[in-house]
Amino acid sequence: MIGLSASSFVDRMAALTFDNAFNPYSDEDADHDLPGAAATRCDNLRKVIDASLGTGVDSMWIARDLGYRGGRRTGLALTDEVHLNAHAAMMGIDELVRSTGGPAVSERTAGVVWDMLAAVDRKVFLWNVFPLHPHDAGAPMSNRNHKRSERHATRFLMEWLVDALRPRQLVAIGRDAQTALADLGFDAACVRHPSYGGQPEFIQGVSSLYSLPTRSAGTAHQLQLI
């Protein structure tokens, strides 16, 4: 059982182990991470959850799994290193700390997501159906779809978050995430994932859900997003 605190939740996260899956809360990457990187990512996640428990959240945006350019490095869903400060500001946190060396790495999907989060201007908790970074065997800097057994093994984490945070709505980022959430028994609204040409539909979907002014898809660069 998970206790009532963010620390208890993060401890359970750090204890997860799966084949061909990087756990940013206990694993460290010798090529990119600073010493104590896993502890830094644990602390960042703990701060975000504590802030969410303290004031509540409007909604949860849930993608499929962590990616190698974003959550693997930050430990925060849909958040790359470029947007750590934006994440801290949204949650009312003084600082979220980088856990890697070298120049900050950006992820295109995170860039589009955070552009829309700025427009929404509400407190949104970001998560993944499978909260680790699944990768191909022997290729740690790749992304793979998580397995059904993996999401069911971590379902208790989603249950805890939904029960503790009581968001007004769950929003699946992409059809894969919505299908996976339904498999776990969670009903979620769905917006198109912004990758692979989906950016205009993502913007339109979020704008509709949050009653935002219509934004021209022509203002966004159409790139093949990661």
Protein backbone atom coordinates (compact mmCIF):
# COMPACT_ATOMS: atom_id res chain seq x y z
CA MET A 1 0.00 0.00 0.00
CA ILE A 2 1.08 3.59 -0.67
CA GLY A 3 0.96 5.93 2.29
CA LEU A 4 -0.72 9.32 2.24
CA SER A 5 2.42 11.30 1.43
CA ALA A 6 4.24 12.26 -1.75
CA SER A 7 7.39 10.72 -0.26
CA SER A 8 5.70 7.33 0.06
CA PHE A 9 4.56 7.53 -3.56
CA VAL A 10 8.03 8.42 -4.83
CA ASP A 11 9.56 5.60 -2.79
CA ARG A 12 7.24 3.16 -4.56
CA MET A 13 8.18 4.66 -7.90
CA ALA A 14 11.88 4.22 -7.17
CA ALA A 15 11.34 0.55 -6.32
CA LEU A 16 9.90 -0.34 -9.75
CA THR A 17 11.99 -2.59 -12.00
CA PHE A 18 11.16 -3.86 -15.49
CA ASP A 19 13.28 -5.33 -18.26
CA ASN A 20 14.27 -2.77 -20.90
CA ALA A 21 12.82 0.12 -18.94
CA PHE A 22 14.81 2.97 -17.39
CA ASN A 23 13.56 4.07 -13.98
CA PRO A 24 14.62 7.72 -13.65
CA TYR A 25 14.00 7.60 -9.88
CA SER A 26 16.53 4.85 -9.20
CA ASP A 27 18.59 4.34 -12.39
CA GLU A 28 21.35 6.66 -13.55
CA ASP A 29 22.80 7.12 -17.03
CA ALA A 30 26.59 7.27 -16.92
CA ASP A 31 26.73 9.19 -20.20
CA HIS A 32 24.33 12.00 -19.30
CA ASP A 33 23.43 12.10 -15.61
CA LEU A 34 25.13 14.12 -12.90
CA PRO A 35 26.06 12.36 -9.63
CA GLY A 36 22.92 11.84 -7.57
CA ALA A 37 20.67 12.30 -10.60
CA ALA A 38 18.09 9.75 -9.49
CA ALA A 39 17.76 11.46 -6.09
CA THR A 40 17.34 14.82 -7.84
CA ARG A 41 14.54 13.45 -10.02
CA CYS A 42 12.88 11.92 -6.96
CA ASP A 43 13.01 15.29 -5.24
CA ASN A 44 11.51 17.05 -8.27
CA LEU A 45 8.62 14.60 -8.49
CA ARG A 46 8.04 14.85 -4.74
CA LYS A 47 7.83 18.64 -5.00
CA VAL A 48 5.31 18.46 -7.86
CA ILE A 49 3.10 15.96 -6.03
CA ASP A 50 3.27 17.90 -2.76
CA ALA A 51 2.26 21.08 -4.59
CA SER A 52 -0.61 19.25 -6.26
CA LEU A 53 -1.83 17.76 -2.99
CA GLY A 54 -1.65 21.15 -1.32
CA THR A 55 -3.85 23.09 -3.73
CA GLY A 56 -5.46 20.46 -5.94
CA VAL A 57 -5.29 20.36 -9.73
CA ASP A 58 -7.73 21.24 -12.46
CA SER A 59 -6.97 18.20 -14.57
CA MET A 60 -4.46 15.47 -15.40
CA TRP A 61 -2.86 15.18 -18.83
CA ILE A 62 -1.72 11.61 -19.38
CA ALA A 63 0.52 10.40 -22.19
CA ARG A 64 1.57 6.84 -22.92
CA ASP A 65 5.09 6.57 -21.42
CA LEU A 66 8.24 8.60 -20.76
CA GLY A 67 10.49 9.47 -23.71
CA TYR A 68 14.26 9.45 -23.89
CA ARG A 69 14.61 13.21 -24.50
CA GLY A 70 12.06 14.28 -21.90
CA GLY A 71 10.97 12.33 -18.84
CA ARG A 72 13.95 9.99 -18.85
CA ARG A 73 16.11 13.04 -18.13
CA THR A 74 13.74 15.10 -15.95
CA GLY A 75 11.62 12.44 -14.24
CA LEU A 76 8.56 14.54 -15.10
CA ALA A 77 5.99 13.53 -17.70
CA LEU A 78 5.74 15.63 -20.88
CA THR A 79 8.51 17.88 -19.58
CA ASP A 80 11.95 18.38 -21.09
CA GLU A 81 14.82 20.26 -19.48
CA VAL A 82 13.95 23.46 -21.35
CA HIS A 83 10.56 23.59 -19.60
CA LEU A 84 11.56 22.73 -16.02
CA ASN A 85 11.14 26.37 -14.98
CA ALA A 86 7.71 26.53 -16.63
CA HIS A 87 6.69 23.37 -14.76
CA ALA A 88 7.87 24.85 -11.48
CA ALA A 89 5.95 28.07 -12.14
CA MET A 90 2.73 26.23 -12.99
CA MET A 91 2.91 24.26 -9.76
CA GLY A 92 3.97 27.20 -7.58
CA ILE A 93 7.36 25.65 -6.81
CA ASP A 94 10.50 27.74 -6.33
CA GLU A 95 12.74 25.47 -8.38
CA LEU A 96 12.97 22.15 -10.20
CA VAL A 97 16.58 21.06 -10.62
CA ARG A 98 18.29 19.56 -13.66
CA SER A 99 19.78 16.11 -13.12
CA THR A 100 21.93 15.98 -16.28
CA GLY A 101 25.05 17.72 -17.52
CA GLY A 102 25.71 19.60 -20.75
CA PRO A 103 23.30 21.82 -22.68
CA ALA A 104 19.61 21.49 -21.86
CA VAL A 105 17.93 19.01 -24.21
CA SER A 106 14.59 19.90 -25.76
CA GLU A 107 11.81 17.57 -26.87
CA ARG A 108 9.46 18.82 -29.59
CA THR A 109 6.39 17.19 -28.10
CA ALA A 110 7.11 18.85 -24.76
CA GLY A 111 7.48 22.19 -26.52
CA VAL A 112 4.01 21.96 -28.07
CA VAL A 113 2.46 20.68 -24.83
CA TRP A 114 3.93 23.50 -22.77
CA ASP A 115 2.85 26.09 -25.31
CA MET A 116 -0.72 24.94 -24.76
CA LEU A 117 -0.33 24.66 -20.99
CA ALA A 118 0.64 28.33 -20.98
CA ALA A 119 -2.56 29.11 -22.90
CA VAL A 120 -4.70 26.97 -20.57
CA ASP A 121 -3.21 28.75 -17.53
CA ARG A 122 -4.51 26.23 -15.00
CA LYS A 123 -2.80 23.80 -12.67
CA VAL A 124 -2.44 20.56 -14.62
CA PHE A 125 -0.77 17.40 -13.30
CA LEU A 126 1.22 15.60 -15.99
CA TRP A 127 1.62 11.84 -15.97
CA ASN A 128 2.08 8.72 -18.10
CA VAL A 129 0.10 5.49 -18.24
CA PHE A 130 3.41 3.66 -17.76
CA PRO A 131 5.53 6.05 -15.70
CA LEU A 132 9.00 4.81 -16.72
CA HIS A 133 11.00 5.01 -19.97
CA PRO A 134 10.55 1.77 -21.95
CA HIS A 135 13.18 1.22 -24.63
CA ASP A 136 14.25 -1.44 -27.10
CA ALA A 137 16.66 -4.10 -25.85
CA GLY A 138 20.22 -2.87 -26.18
CA ALA A 139 19.09 0.61 -27.26
CA PRO A 140 18.58 2.75 -24.15
CA MET A 141 18.10 5.93 -26.21
CA SER A 142 15.07 4.60 -28.05
CA ASN A 143 11.36 4.65 -27.28
CA ARG A 144 9.10 1.61 -27.32
CA ASN A 145 5.46 1.10 -26.47
CA HIS A 146 5.02 -0.29 -22.99
CA LYS A 147 3.46 -3.73 -22.58
CA ARG A 148 -0.01 -4.38 -21.21
CA SER A 149 1.55 -6.29 -18.31
CA GLU A 150 3.70 -3.26 -17.47
CA ARG A 151 0.79 -0.84 -17.25
CA HIS A 152 -1.24 -3.25 -15.14
CA ALA A 153 1.72 -3.72 -12.80
CA THR A 154 1.80 0.05 -12.23
CA ARG A 155 -1.96 0.67 -12.19
CA PHE A 156 -1.92 1.23 -8.42
CA LEU A 157 0.12 4.39 -8.96
CA MET A 158 -2.50 5.89 -11.27
CA GLU A 159 -5.24 4.93 -8.81
CA TRP A 160 -3.42 6.71 -5.99
CA LEU A 161 -2.91 9.87 -8.01
CA VAL A 162 -6.51 10.08 -9.22
CA ASP A 163 -7.85 9.42 -5.72
CA ALA A 164 -5.46 11.86 -4.05
CA LEU A 165 -5.58 14.71 -6.56
CA ARG A 166 -9.24 14.41 -7.62
CA PRO A 167 -8.81 16.20 -10.95
CA ARG A 168 -11.84 17.66 -12.69
CA GLN A 169 -11.02 15.58 -15.76
CA LEU A 170 -8.47 13.19 -17.20
CA VAL A 171 -7.11 14.09 -20.62
CA ALA A 172 -5.35 11.41 -22.66
CA ILE A 173 -2.62 12.73 -24.94
CA GLY A 174 -3.11 10.47 -27.94
CA ARG A 175 -5.33 7.54 -28.78
CA ASP A 176 -2.76 5.04 -27.49
CA ALA A 177 -2.92 6.65 -24.05
CA GLN A 178 -6.72 6.74 -24.07
CA THR A 179 -6.94 3.06 -25.04
CA ALA A 180 -4.42 2.10 -22.35
CA LEU A 181 -6.31 4.12 -19.72
CA ALA A 182 -9.58 2.46 -20.71
CA ASP A 183 -7.89 -0.92 -20.32
CA LEU A 184 -7.06 0.11 -16.75
CA GLY A 185 -10.62 1.26 -16.09
CA PHE A 186 -10.13 5.03 -16.42
CA ASP A 187 -12.36 7.17 -18.62
CA ALA A 188 -10.50 10.05 -20.25
CA ALA A 189 -11.17 12.71 -22.82
CA CYS A 190 -8.72 12.45 -25.71
CA VAL A 191 -6.77 14.95 -27.76
CA ARG A 192 -4.55 14.05 -30.68
CA HIS A 193 -0.90 13.50 -29.79
CA PRO A 194 1.08 16.38 -31.31
CA SER A 195 3.67 14.13 -32.98
CA TYR A 196 3.77 13.08 -36.64
CA GLY A 197 1.65 15.91 -37.99
CA GLY A 198 -0.84 15.96 -35.13
CA GLN A 199 0.01 19.42 -33.83
CA PRO A 200 -2.97 21.31 -35.36
CA GLU A 201 -5.44 18.72 -34.04
CA PHE A 202 -3.76 18.75 -30.62
CA ILE A 203 -4.08 22.54 -30.44
CA GLN A 204 -7.69 22.36 -31.59
CA GLY A 205 -8.53 19.60 -29.11
CA VAL A 206 -7.04 21.37 -26.11
CA SER A 207 -8.62 24.67 -27.15
CA SER A 208 -12.02 22.99 -27.32
CA LEU A 209 -11.67 21.26 -23.94
CA TYR A 210 -10.67 24.47 -22.18
CA SER A 211 -12.82 26.92 -24.19
CA LEU A 212 -9.79 28.79 -25.51
CA PRO A 213 -9.90 31.20 -28.45
CA THR A 214 -9.35 29.44 -31.75
CA ARG A 215 -5.67 29.33 -32.66
CA SER A 216 -4.44 29.19 -36.23
CA ALA A 217 -2.60 25.98 -37.01
CA GLY A 218 -0.53 28.05 -39.40
CA THR A 219 1.22 29.71 -36.47
CA ALA A 220 2.81 26.40 -35.46
CA HIS A 221 5.71 24.74 -37.18
CA GLN A 222 4.70 21.38 -38.57
CA LEU A 223 7.56 19.11 -37.63
CA GLN A 224 7.76 15.40 -37.10
CA LEU A 225 7.73 15.44 -33.33
CA ILE A 226 9.39 12.92 -31.09
